[in-house]
Amino acid sequence: MSNTFAVREAQARQREASRNGQILHRDSLNSDRLFYVVAASIMLVLTAIGFRSFYLHGKGFGGSEMTSQIVPVVVVHGLAMFGWVILFFLQSILILAGNRRLHIVIGPAGAVLAGVIVVLGSIVAALSTHFNPESYALLGGAKSFLAKMITEMVGFGSFVAVGIKYRHRLEIHRPMMLLATTFIMSGSLGRCPYIGDLAVLPPVYVYLPMLLFAGLLFFLQWGMTRVANRWYALGFAGIVMSCLLSIAVGKSAWWSIILGNFVR
């Protein structure tokens, strides 16, 4: 009789633990979804603030004129980048609202947009440093800046590709898409008041605001969900290493040889 009572008591405790675990999992999941909406909202606001001169007055970095030879390409690229941030925000909202079906339907459009951004971003970086190298003097020089921008485009495309490949594993898909968006935030962060002062600090230059912002997002998610996102941490480590590598490449003699007279 005592054994039967003990078994029933153990089963009751197991069911209670299971219910508590489900509640904790559900709370953590809701917090995680909310985090992505918060992160996307912050990115959207920072992008709007950073590129306000571009959208309202057609000005480049620091209020300078855009490179005249490639204005149409710069405009299309800027709109594509802003479109990506908007799309990331909308996709996060859809997941929070539980509309996963529409999220999946819109997904392929995001993949196409990401491809456009990589191509246009690489073209804009190359041509702007070719036609207007003096405008990058405060950012470590045109050659170094070009190495950084190519790294950003390759990194952005790589994170998007990984996110698409693992779209059915949400614990990987979500942080990869967040990291992809964060990687291309250097342009908007570098144009924001006060934050932009960090973008001219050697030797990291435009990477510094982005890296600090990415680190803050990691701790924000940890605080909201009470879980340290290891996939985000691994991706962030990859960003740091690629940034350091591109800084070394941008200052190397062989990079100057490769660019030749294309970038002075």
Protein backbone atom coordinates (compact mmCIF):
# COMPACT_ATOMS: atom_id res chain seq x y z
CA MET A 1 0.00 0.00 0.00
CA SER A 2 2.81 2.34 0.89
CA ASN A 3 4.57 1.48 -2.37
CA THR A 4 1.45 2.34 -4.38
CA PHE A 5 1.15 5.67 -2.60
CA ALA A 6 4.82 6.43 -3.24
CA VAL A 7 4.44 5.66 -6.96
CA ARG A 8 1.38 7.89 -7.26
CA GLU A 9 3.13 10.70 -5.40
CA ALA A 10 6.15 10.42 -7.70
CA GLN A 11 3.89 10.50 -10.76
CA ALA A 12 2.09 13.58 -9.43
CA ARG A 13 5.41 15.33 -8.88
CA GLN A 14 6.51 14.43 -12.41
CA ARG A 15 3.29 15.82 -13.90
CA GLU A 16 3.68 19.02 -11.86
CA ALA A 17 7.29 19.38 -12.99
CA SER A 18 6.21 18.83 -16.59
CA ARG A 19 3.52 21.52 -16.32
CA ASN A 20 6.00 23.94 -14.74
CA GLY A 21 8.52 23.17 -17.48
CA GLN A 22 5.94 23.84 -20.18
CA ILE A 23 5.03 27.15 -18.57
CA LEU A 24 8.68 28.16 -18.30
CA HIS A 25 9.32 27.09 -21.91
CA ARG A 26 6.31 29.03 -23.13
CA ASP A 27 7.35 32.14 -21.19
CA SER A 28 10.90 31.86 -22.54
CA LEU A 29 9.62 31.37 -26.09
CA ASN A 30 7.36 34.42 -25.87
CA SER A 31 10.22 36.49 -24.46
CA ASP A 32 12.48 35.32 -27.26
CA ARG A 33 9.96 36.32 -29.90
CA LEU A 34 9.47 39.67 -28.21
CA PHE A 35 13.22 40.21 -28.13
CA TYR A 36 13.46 39.97 -31.92
CA VAL A 37 10.70 42.55 -32.30
CA VAL A 38 12.51 44.86 -29.88
CA ALA A 39 15.84 44.36 -31.66
CA ALA A 40 14.26 44.94 -35.08
CA SER A 41 12.50 48.07 -33.80
CA ILE A 42 15.77 49.49 -32.49
CA MET A 43 17.46 48.74 -35.81
CA LEU A 44 14.66 50.39 -37.75
CA VAL A 45 14.86 53.56 -35.64
CA LEU A 46 18.67 53.71 -35.85
CA THR A 47 18.56 53.21 -39.62
CA ALA A 48 16.01 56.00 -40.02
CA ILE A 49 18.08 58.34 -37.85
CA GLY A 50 21.40 57.43 -39.42
CA PHE A 51 20.27 57.80 -43.01
CA ARG A 52 17.97 60.76 -42.50
CA SER A 53 20.26 63.03 -44.55
CA PHE A 54 20.34 60.46 -47.33
CA TYR A 55 16.57 59.99 -47.51
CA LEU A 56 15.60 63.63 -46.94
CA HIS A 57 18.42 65.55 -48.62
CA GLY A 58 20.30 63.06 -50.77
CA LYS A 59 23.52 63.53 -48.81
CA GLY A 60 26.27 61.03 -48.12
CA PHE A 61 28.39 60.37 -45.04
CA GLY A 62 28.78 63.44 -42.83
CA GLY A 63 26.48 65.48 -45.04
CA SER A 64 28.81 65.25 -48.03
CA GLU A 65 27.62 64.93 -51.60
CA MET A 66 27.05 61.44 -52.94
CA THR A 67 29.54 60.17 -55.51
CA SER A 68 28.08 61.80 -58.63
CA GLN A 69 29.11 59.04 -61.06
CA ILE A 70 27.07 56.36 -59.28
CA VAL A 71 24.13 58.20 -57.69
CA PRO A 72 21.43 55.85 -59.12
CA VAL A 73 23.23 52.76 -57.84
CA VAL A 74 23.76 54.34 -54.41
CA VAL A 75 20.06 55.25 -54.16
CA VAL A 76 18.89 51.75 -55.13
CA HIS A 77 21.37 50.19 -52.72
CA GLY A 78 20.25 52.47 -49.89
CA LEU A 79 16.59 51.66 -50.50
CA ALA A 80 17.37 47.94 -50.62
CA MET A 81 19.21 48.13 -47.30
CA PHE A 82 16.36 50.03 -45.67
CA GLY A 83 13.93 47.54 -47.20
CA TRP A 84 15.82 44.69 -45.55
CA VAL A 85 15.56 46.29 -42.11
CA ILE A 86 11.84 46.88 -42.65
CA LEU A 87 11.40 43.28 -43.78
CA PHE A 88 13.27 41.98 -40.73
CA PHE A 89 10.96 44.04 -38.53
CA LEU A 90 7.83 42.76 -40.28
CA GLN A 91 9.00 39.16 -40.14
CA SER A 92 9.65 39.49 -36.40
CA ILE A 93 6.17 40.95 -35.90
CA LEU A 94 4.61 38.05 -37.81
CA ILE A 95 6.33 35.48 -35.60
CA LEU A 96 5.30 37.31 -32.43
CA ALA A 97 1.71 37.39 -33.73
CA GLY A 98 1.83 33.67 -34.50
CA ASN A 99 1.44 34.11 -38.27
CA ARG A 100 4.23 31.74 -39.26
CA ARG A 101 2.59 30.85 -42.59
CA LEU A 102 2.83 34.41 -43.93
CA HIS A 103 6.35 34.63 -42.51
CA ILE A 104 7.32 31.62 -44.64
CA VAL A 105 5.57 32.97 -47.74
CA ILE A 106 7.50 36.26 -47.53
CA GLY A 107 10.80 34.46 -46.90
CA PRO A 108 11.85 33.95 -50.55
CA ALA A 109 11.47 37.68 -51.22
CA GLY A 110 13.93 38.29 -48.41
CA ALA A 111 16.41 35.86 -49.98
CA VAL A 112 16.21 37.72 -53.29
CA LEU A 113 16.57 41.08 -51.55
CA ALA A 114 19.63 39.82 -49.67
CA GLY A 115 21.25 38.80 -52.96
CA VAL A 116 20.56 42.24 -54.42
CA ILE A 117 22.10 43.90 -51.36
CA VAL A 118 25.29 41.83 -51.60
CA VAL A 119 25.76 42.61 -55.30
CA LEU A 120 24.86 46.30 -55.09
CA GLY A 121 26.76 46.81 -51.85
CA SER A 122 29.96 45.40 -53.36
CA ILE A 123 29.55 47.53 -56.49
CA VAL A 124 28.85 50.72 -54.53
CA ALA A 125 31.83 50.13 -52.24
CA ALA A 126 34.20 49.51 -55.14
CA LEU A 127 33.04 52.41 -57.32
CA SER A 128 32.74 54.95 -54.51
CA THR A 129 36.30 54.27 -53.32
CA HIS A 130 37.45 54.47 -56.94
CA PHE A 131 35.77 57.76 -57.82
CA ASN A 132 35.86 59.45 -54.41
CA PRO A 133 38.74 58.02 -52.31
CA GLU A 134 39.39 61.24 -50.39
CA SER A 135 36.00 61.02 -48.66
CA TYR A 136 37.20 57.96 -46.71
CA ALA A 137 40.23 59.61 -45.14
CA LEU A 138 38.54 59.78 -41.72
CA LEU A 139 37.61 56.10 -41.96
CA GLY A 140 41.12 54.75 -42.37
CA GLY A 141 41.51 55.39 -46.09
CA ALA A 142 39.73 54.16 -49.19
CA LYS A 143 41.63 50.88 -49.54
CA SER A 144 41.02 49.87 -45.95
CA PHE A 145 37.38 50.94 -46.16
CA LEU A 146 36.84 48.83 -49.29
CA ALA A 147 38.18 45.74 -47.50
CA LYS A 148 35.76 46.37 -44.65
CA MET A 149 32.74 46.85 -46.92
CA ILE A 150 33.45 43.70 -48.94
CA THR A 151 33.78 41.81 -45.66
CA GLU A 152 30.41 43.16 -44.55
CA MET A 153 28.71 42.11 -47.76
CA VAL A 154 30.24 38.62 -47.69
CA GLY A 155 29.42 38.27 -44.00
CA PHE A 156 25.86 39.47 -44.48
CA GLY A 157 25.30 37.06 -47.36
CA SER A 158 26.85 34.19 -45.42
CA PHE A 159 24.64 34.67 -42.38
CA VAL A 160 21.54 34.91 -44.57
CA ALA A 161 22.56 31.73 -46.40
CA VAL A 162 23.05 29.86 -43.12
CA GLY A 163 19.72 31.20 -41.85
CA ILE A 164 17.94 29.97 -44.98
CA LYS A 165 19.63 26.58 -44.86
CA TYR A 166 18.53 26.07 -41.25
CA ARG A 167 15.14 27.76 -41.58
CA HIS A 168 13.50 24.74 -39.93
CA ARG A 169 15.80 24.95 -36.93
CA LEU A 170 14.61 28.15 -35.31
CA GLU A 171 17.35 28.20 -32.69
CA ILE A 172 19.80 28.71 -35.59
CA HIS A 173 17.64 30.54 -38.13
CA ARG A 174 16.66 33.45 -35.91
CA PRO A 175 20.11 34.45 -34.57
CA MET A 176 21.64 34.09 -38.05
CA MET A 177 19.12 36.53 -39.53
CA LEU A 178 19.68 38.90 -36.62
CA LEU A 179 23.45 38.74 -37.07
CA ALA A 180 23.08 39.32 -40.81
CA THR A 181 21.10 42.48 -40.16
CA THR A 182 23.48 43.62 -37.43
CA PHE A 183 26.49 43.16 -39.71
CA ILE A 184 25.19 45.78 -42.15
CA MET A 185 24.28 48.30 -39.44
CA SER A 186 27.70 49.97 -39.53
CA GLY A 187 26.52 52.46 -42.15
CA SER A 188 23.52 53.70 -40.17
CA LEU A 189 25.27 53.58 -36.78
CA GLY A 190 28.23 55.50 -38.17
CA ARG A 191 25.87 58.29 -39.24
CA CYS A 192 23.95 58.55 -35.95
CA PRO A 193 24.66 61.52 -33.67
CA TYR A 194 27.24 60.76 -30.95
CA ILE A 195 27.40 57.07 -31.96
CA GLY A 196 29.06 58.12 -35.20
CA ASP A 197 32.03 59.50 -33.26
CA LEU A 198 33.06 55.91 -32.59
CA ALA A 199 33.21 55.13 -36.32
CA VAL A 200 36.31 57.31 -36.82
CA LEU A 201 38.34 55.75 -34.02
CA PRO A 202 41.30 53.68 -35.25
CA PRO A 203 42.00 50.89 -35.83
CA VAL A 204 38.47 49.43 -35.93
CA TYR A 205 36.71 52.50 -37.39
CA VAL A 206 33.22 51.71 -38.76
CA TYR A 207 33.23 48.27 -37.15
CA LEU A 208 33.32 49.62 -33.59
CA PRO A 209 29.70 50.87 -33.28
CA MET A 210 28.41 47.72 -34.96
CA LEU A 211 30.38 45.38 -32.70
CA LEU A 212 29.28 47.21 -29.57
CA PHE A 213 25.67 47.15 -30.74
CA ALA A 214 25.87 43.42 -31.52
CA GLY A 215 27.28 42.78 -28.05
CA LEU A 216 24.49 44.77 -26.43
CA LEU A 217 21.89 42.73 -28.32
CA PHE A 218 23.41 39.53 -26.93
CA PHE A 219 23.03 40.76 -23.35
CA LEU A 220 19.57 42.17 -24.07
CA GLN A 221 18.36 38.78 -25.24
CA TRP A 222 20.02 37.09 -22.28
CA GLY A 223 18.26 39.48 -19.93
CA MET A 224 14.85 39.07 -21.58
CA THR A 225 14.93 35.28 -21.96
CA ARG A 226 17.29 34.30 -19.10
CA VAL A 227 19.11 32.16 -21.69
CA ALA A 228 22.48 32.91 -23.30
CA ASN A 229 22.07 32.30 -27.04
CA ARG A 230 25.07 30.15 -27.96
CA TRP A 231 24.37 30.30 -31.70
CA TYR A 232 24.37 34.09 -31.59
CA ALA A 233 27.57 34.02 -29.54
CA LEU A 234 29.26 31.75 -32.08
CA GLY A 235 28.14 33.97 -34.94
CA PHE A 236 29.30 37.08 -33.12
CA ALA A 237 32.71 35.50 -32.59
CA GLY A 238 32.82 34.89 -36.34
CA ILE A 239 32.03 38.56 -36.99
CA VAL A 240 34.81 39.70 -34.67
CA MET A 241 37.35 37.44 -36.35
CA SER A 242 36.31 38.47 -39.86
CA CYS A 243 36.50 42.15 -38.87
CA LEU A 244 40.01 41.76 -37.49
CA LEU A 245 41.06 39.85 -40.59
CA SER A 246 39.69 42.51 -42.93
CA ILE A 247 41.49 45.25 -40.99
CA ALA A 248 44.77 43.38 -41.50
CA VAL A 249 43.98 42.80 -45.17
CA GLY A 250 43.07 46.44 -45.74
CA LYS A 251 46.46 47.56 -44.48
CA SER A 252 48.51 44.90 -46.26
CA ALA A 253 50.85 45.50 -49.17
CA TRP A 254 49.34 42.74 -51.27
CA TRP A 255 45.88 44.31 -50.98
CA SER A 256 47.32 47.51 -52.41
CA ILE A 257 48.90 45.48 -55.21
CA ILE A 258 45.57 43.80 -56.01
CA LEU A 259 43.73 47.13 -56.14
CA GLY A 260 46.51 48.73 -58.14
CA ASN A 261 45.46 52.08 -59.57
CA PHE A 262 41.76 51.30 -59.15
CA VAL A 263 41.79 52.79 -55.64
CA ARG A 264 44.37 55.39 -54.72
